[in-house]
């Protein structure tokens, strides 16, 4: 079966490289998310800072993280950076939803979740557009 896939050009060195960039992009997005969330948690814990800005911090961090993921995913592409960026945004948000479902048993997909999905895919696409155009 492996030889059949390799023979049909589905598994090329270019595809392997692109998938590697996609995975690294999503991992970088999560790294940024973790760093910002930990920093914000420390600020809330050790200062008089209120939690009232938490939704804004989460939204901005998520958007910037998926843009970075899309940017990194598109760096290795020869074309369609927007598509690779959208794929990175989709992988980022779907894996985040799966994590939330595991951690929070009562988690439900609602209108707010759908909004986050759409914004993540769009943000990843924008990052992909920037990534493919700025690498040239």
C-alpha atoms as a PDB file:
ATOM      1  CA  UNK A   1       0.000   0.000   0.000  1.00  0.00           C
ATOM      2  CA  UNK A   2       2.816   2.400   0.854  1.00  0.00           C
ATOM      3  CA  UNK A   3       4.380   1.860  -2.548  1.00  0.00           C
ATOM      4  CA  UNK A   4       1.020   2.547  -4.171  1.00  0.00           C
ATOM      5  CA  UNK A   5       0.728   5.873  -2.343  1.00  0.00           C
ATOM      6  CA  UNK A   6       4.272   6.838  -3.205  1.00  0.00           C
ATOM      7  CA  UNK A   7       3.737   5.813  -6.799  1.00  0.00           C
ATOM      8  CA  UNK A   8       0.633   7.979  -7.105  1.00  0.00           C
ATOM      9  CA  UNK A   9       2.481  11.163  -6.053  1.00  0.00           C
ATOM     10  CA  UNK A  10       0.335  11.592  -2.927  1.00  0.00           C
ATOM     11  CA  UNK A  11       3.361  11.267  -0.681  1.00  0.00           C
ATOM     12  CA  UNK A  12       6.079  13.443  -2.139  1.00  0.00           C
ATOM     13  CA  UNK A  13       8.961  15.138  -0.403  1.00  0.00           C
ATOM     14  CA  UNK A  14       7.207  18.468  -0.957  1.00  0.00           C
ATOM     15  CA  UNK A  15       4.027  17.173   0.722  1.00  0.00           C
ATOM     16  CA  UNK A  16       6.017  15.783   3.648  1.00  0.00           C
ATOM     17  CA  UNK A  17       7.759  19.120   4.057  1.00  0.00           C
ATOM     18  CA  UNK A  18       4.472  21.015   3.883  1.00  0.00           C
ATOM     19  CA  UNK A  19       2.825  18.778   6.476  1.00  0.00           C
ATOM     20  CA  UNK A  20       5.879  19.283   8.689  1.00  0.00           C
ATOM     21  CA  UNK A  21       5.450  23.074   8.393  1.00  0.00           C
ATOM     22  CA  UNK A  22       1.745  22.686   9.174  1.00  0.00           C
ATOM     23  CA  UNK A  23       2.403  20.685  12.347  1.00  0.00           C
ATOM     24  CA  UNK A  24       5.176  23.033  13.472  1.00  0.00           C
ATOM     25  CA  UNK A  25       2.918  26.034  12.826  1.00  0.00           C
ATOM     26  CA  UNK A  26       0.123  24.628  14.982  1.00  0.00           C
ATOM     27  CA  UNK A  27       2.611  23.721  17.718  1.00  0.00           C
ATOM     28  CA  UNK A  28       4.034  27.266  17.638  1.00  0.00           C
ATOM     29  CA  UNK A  29       0.512  28.644  17.899  1.00  0.00           C
ATOM     30  CA  UNK A  30      -0.122  26.542  20.990  1.00  0.00           C
ATOM     31  CA  UNK A  31       3.226  27.549  22.473  1.00  0.00           C
ATOM     32  CA  UNK A  32       2.308  31.228  22.146  1.00  0.00           C
ATOM     33  CA  UNK A  33      -1.127  30.533  23.618  1.00  0.00           C
ATOM     34  CA  UNK A  34       0.369  28.743  26.623  1.00  0.00           C
ATOM     35  CA  UNK A  35       2.942  31.473  27.273  1.00  0.00           C
ATOM     36  CA  UNK A  36       0.348  34.271  27.138  1.00  0.00           C
ATOM     37  CA  UNK A  37      -2.188  32.368  29.253  1.00  0.00           C
ATOM     38  CA  UNK A  38       0.410  31.480  31.885  1.00  0.00           C
ATOM     39  CA  UNK A  39       1.628  35.078  31.972  1.00  0.00           C
ATOM     40  CA  UNK A  40      -1.904  36.389  32.324  1.00  0.00           C
ATOM     41  CA  UNK A  41      -2.678  33.838  35.052  1.00  0.00           C
ATOM     42  CA  UNK A  42       0.396  34.987  36.962  1.00  0.00           C
ATOM     43  CA  UNK A  43      -0.669  38.622  36.612  1.00  0.00           C
ATOM     44  CA  UNK A  44      -4.139  37.824  37.939  1.00  0.00           C
ATOM     45  CA  UNK A  45      -2.723  35.732  40.783  1.00  0.00           C
ATOM     46  CA  UNK A  46       0.067  38.007  42.000  1.00  0.00           C
ATOM     47  CA  UNK A  47      -1.333  41.465  41.263  1.00  0.00           C
ATOM     48  CA  UNK A  48      -4.589  43.296  41.823  1.00  0.00           C
ATOM     49  CA  UNK A  49      -5.537  42.732  38.165  1.00  0.00           C
ATOM     50  CA  UNK A  50      -9.128  41.661  37.648  1.00  0.00           C
ATOM     51  CA  UNK A  51     -10.358  38.746  35.532  1.00  0.00           C
ATOM     52  CA  UNK A  52     -12.823  40.979  33.685  1.00  0.00           C
ATOM     53  CA  UNK A  53     -10.470  41.269  30.679  1.00  0.00           C
ATOM     54  CA  UNK A  54     -10.097  37.490  30.367  1.00  0.00           C
ATOM     55  CA  UNK A  55     -12.485  37.045  27.382  1.00  0.00           C
ATOM     56  CA  UNK A  56     -10.658  39.769  25.444  1.00  0.00           C
ATOM     57  CA  UNK A  57      -7.248  38.279  26.274  1.00  0.00           C
ATOM     58  CA  UNK A  58      -8.429  34.827  25.168  1.00  0.00           C
ATOM     59  CA  UNK A  59      -9.880  36.168  21.898  1.00  0.00           C
ATOM     60  CA  UNK A  60      -6.807  38.218  20.977  1.00  0.00           C
ATOM     61  CA  UNK A  61      -4.412  35.433  21.960  1.00  0.00           C
ATOM     62  CA  UNK A  62      -6.352  32.856  19.953  1.00  0.00           C
ATOM     63  CA  UNK A  63      -6.480  35.098  16.889  1.00  0.00           C
ATOM     64  CA  UNK A  64      -2.755  35.899  17.029  1.00  0.00           C
ATOM     65  CA  UNK A  65      -1.889  32.246  17.660  1.00  0.00           C
ATOM     66  CA  UNK A  66      -3.848  30.961  14.650  1.00  0.00           C
ATOM     67  CA  UNK A  67      -2.372  33.720  12.502  1.00  0.00           C
ATOM     68  CA  UNK A  68       1.108  32.586  13.558  1.00  0.00           C
ATOM     69  CA  UNK A  69       0.160  28.965  12.905  1.00  0.00           C
ATOM     70  CA  UNK A  70      -1.095  29.901   9.437  1.00  0.00           C
ATOM     71  CA  UNK A  71       1.993  32.004   8.775  1.00  0.00           C
ATOM     72  CA  UNK A  72       4.324  29.134   9.700  1.00  0.00           C
ATOM     73  CA  UNK A  73       2.251  26.574   7.791  1.00  0.00           C
ATOM     74  CA  UNK A  74       2.399  28.664   4.609  1.00  0.00           C
ATOM     75  CA  UNK A  75       6.142  29.382   4.803  1.00  0.00           C
ATOM     76  CA  UNK A  76       6.940  26.037   3.231  1.00  0.00           C
ATOM     77  CA  UNK A  77       4.230  26.210   0.568  1.00  0.00           C
ATOM     78  CA  UNK A  78       4.850  27.057  -3.048  1.00  0.00           C
ATOM     79  CA  UNK A  79       1.250  28.191  -3.546  1.00  0.00           C
ATOM     80  CA  UNK A  80      -2.140  28.448  -1.822  1.00  0.00           C
ATOM     81  CA  UNK A  81      -0.798  29.892   1.413  1.00  0.00           C
ATOM     82  CA  UNK A  82      -4.332  30.867   2.397  1.00  0.00           C
ATOM     83  CA  UNK A  83      -5.409  27.212   2.204  1.00  0.00           C
ATOM     84  CA  UNK A  84      -2.498  25.956   4.298  1.00  0.00           C
ATOM     85  CA  UNK A  85      -3.160  28.746   6.779  1.00  0.00           C
ATOM     86  CA  UNK A  86      -6.839  27.850   6.995  1.00  0.00           C
ATOM     87  CA  UNK A  87      -5.877  24.211   7.551  1.00  0.00           C
ATOM     88  CA  UNK A  88      -3.610  25.277  10.420  1.00  0.00           C
ATOM     89  CA  UNK A  89      -6.417  27.371  11.931  1.00  0.00           C
ATOM     90  CA  UNK A  90      -8.852  24.474  11.619  1.00  0.00           C
ATOM     91  CA  UNK A  91      -6.438  21.986  13.205  1.00  0.00           C
ATOM     92  CA  UNK A  92      -5.697  24.451  16.018  1.00  0.00           C
ATOM     93  CA  UNK A  93      -9.350  25.085  16.876  1.00  0.00           C
ATOM     94  CA  UNK A  94     -10.560  21.476  16.469  1.00  0.00           C
ATOM     95  CA  UNK A  95      -7.801  20.185  18.727  1.00  0.00           C
ATOM     96  CA  UNK A  96      -8.659  22.943  21.221  1.00  0.00           C
ATOM     97  CA  UNK A  97     -12.313  21.865  21.206  1.00  0.00           C
ATOM     98  CA  UNK A  98     -11.346  18.233  21.729  1.00  0.00           C
ATOM     99  CA  UNK A  99      -9.151  19.246  24.677  1.00  0.00           C
ATOM    100  CA  UNK A 100     -12.018  21.285  26.132  1.00  0.00           C
ATOM    101  CA  UNK A 101     -14.399  18.334  25.790  1.00  0.00           C
ATOM    102  CA  UNK A 102     -11.960  16.107  27.679  1.00  0.00           C
ATOM    103  CA  UNK A 103     -11.162  18.630  30.421  1.00  0.00           C
ATOM    104  CA  UNK A 104     -14.702  19.992  30.834  1.00  0.00           C
ATOM    105  CA  UNK A 105     -17.212  17.117  30.608  1.00  0.00           C
ATOM    106  CA  UNK A 106     -20.142  19.559  30.326  1.00  0.00           C
ATOM    107  CA  UNK A 107     -18.602  21.464  27.401  1.00  0.00           C
ATOM    108  CA  UNK A 108     -21.040  22.002  24.565  1.00  0.00           C
ATOM    109  CA  UNK A 109     -20.539  23.440  21.099  1.00  0.00           C
ATOM    110  CA  UNK A 110     -22.686  26.566  20.900  1.00  0.00           C
ATOM    111  CA  UNK A 111     -22.870  29.798  18.920  1.00  0.00           C
ATOM    112  CA  UNK A 112     -19.798  31.218  20.628  1.00  0.00           C
ATOM    113  CA  UNK A 113     -17.819  28.077  19.745  1.00  0.00           C
ATOM    114  CA  UNK A 114     -18.901  28.319  16.110  1.00  0.00           C
ATOM    115  CA  UNK A 115     -17.751  31.954  16.088  1.00  0.00           C
ATOM    116  CA  UNK A 116     -14.344  30.889  17.432  1.00  0.00           C
ATOM    117  CA  UNK A 117     -14.118  28.186  14.749  1.00  0.00           C
ATOM    118  CA  UNK A 118     -14.889  30.656  11.945  1.00  0.00           C
ATOM    119  CA  UNK A 119     -12.483  33.288  13.314  1.00  0.00           C
ATOM    120  CA  UNK A 120      -9.741  30.687  13.770  1.00  0.00           C
ATOM    121  CA  UNK A 121     -10.053  29.464  10.206  1.00  0.00           C
ATOM    122  CA  UNK A 122     -10.145  33.050   8.886  1.00  0.00           C
ATOM    123  CA  UNK A 123      -7.205  34.099  11.078  1.00  0.00           C
ATOM    124  CA  UNK A 124      -5.203  31.087   9.915  1.00  0.00           C
ATOM    125  CA  UNK A 125      -6.005  31.980   6.308  1.00  0.00           C
ATOM    126  CA  UNK A 126      -4.847  35.554   6.837  1.00  0.00           C
ATOM    127  CA  UNK A 127      -1.649  34.290   8.452  1.00  0.00           C
ATOM    128  CA  UNK A 128      -1.170  31.946   5.502  1.00  0.00           C
ATOM    129  CA  UNK A 129      -1.544  34.811   3.028  1.00  0.00           C
ATOM    130  CA  UNK A 130       1.060  36.804   4.939  1.00  0.00           C
ATOM    131  CA  UNK A 131       3.336  33.787   5.330  1.00  0.00           C
ATOM    132  CA  UNK A 132       3.499  32.882   1.663  1.00  0.00           C
ATOM    133  CA  UNK A 133       3.873  36.489   0.496  1.00  0.00           C
ATOM    134  CA  UNK A 134       6.472  37.591   3.020  1.00  0.00           C
ATOM    135  CA  UNK A 135       8.760  34.618   2.438  1.00  0.00           C
ATOM    136  CA  UNK A 136       9.407  35.606  -1.172  1.00  0.00           C
END
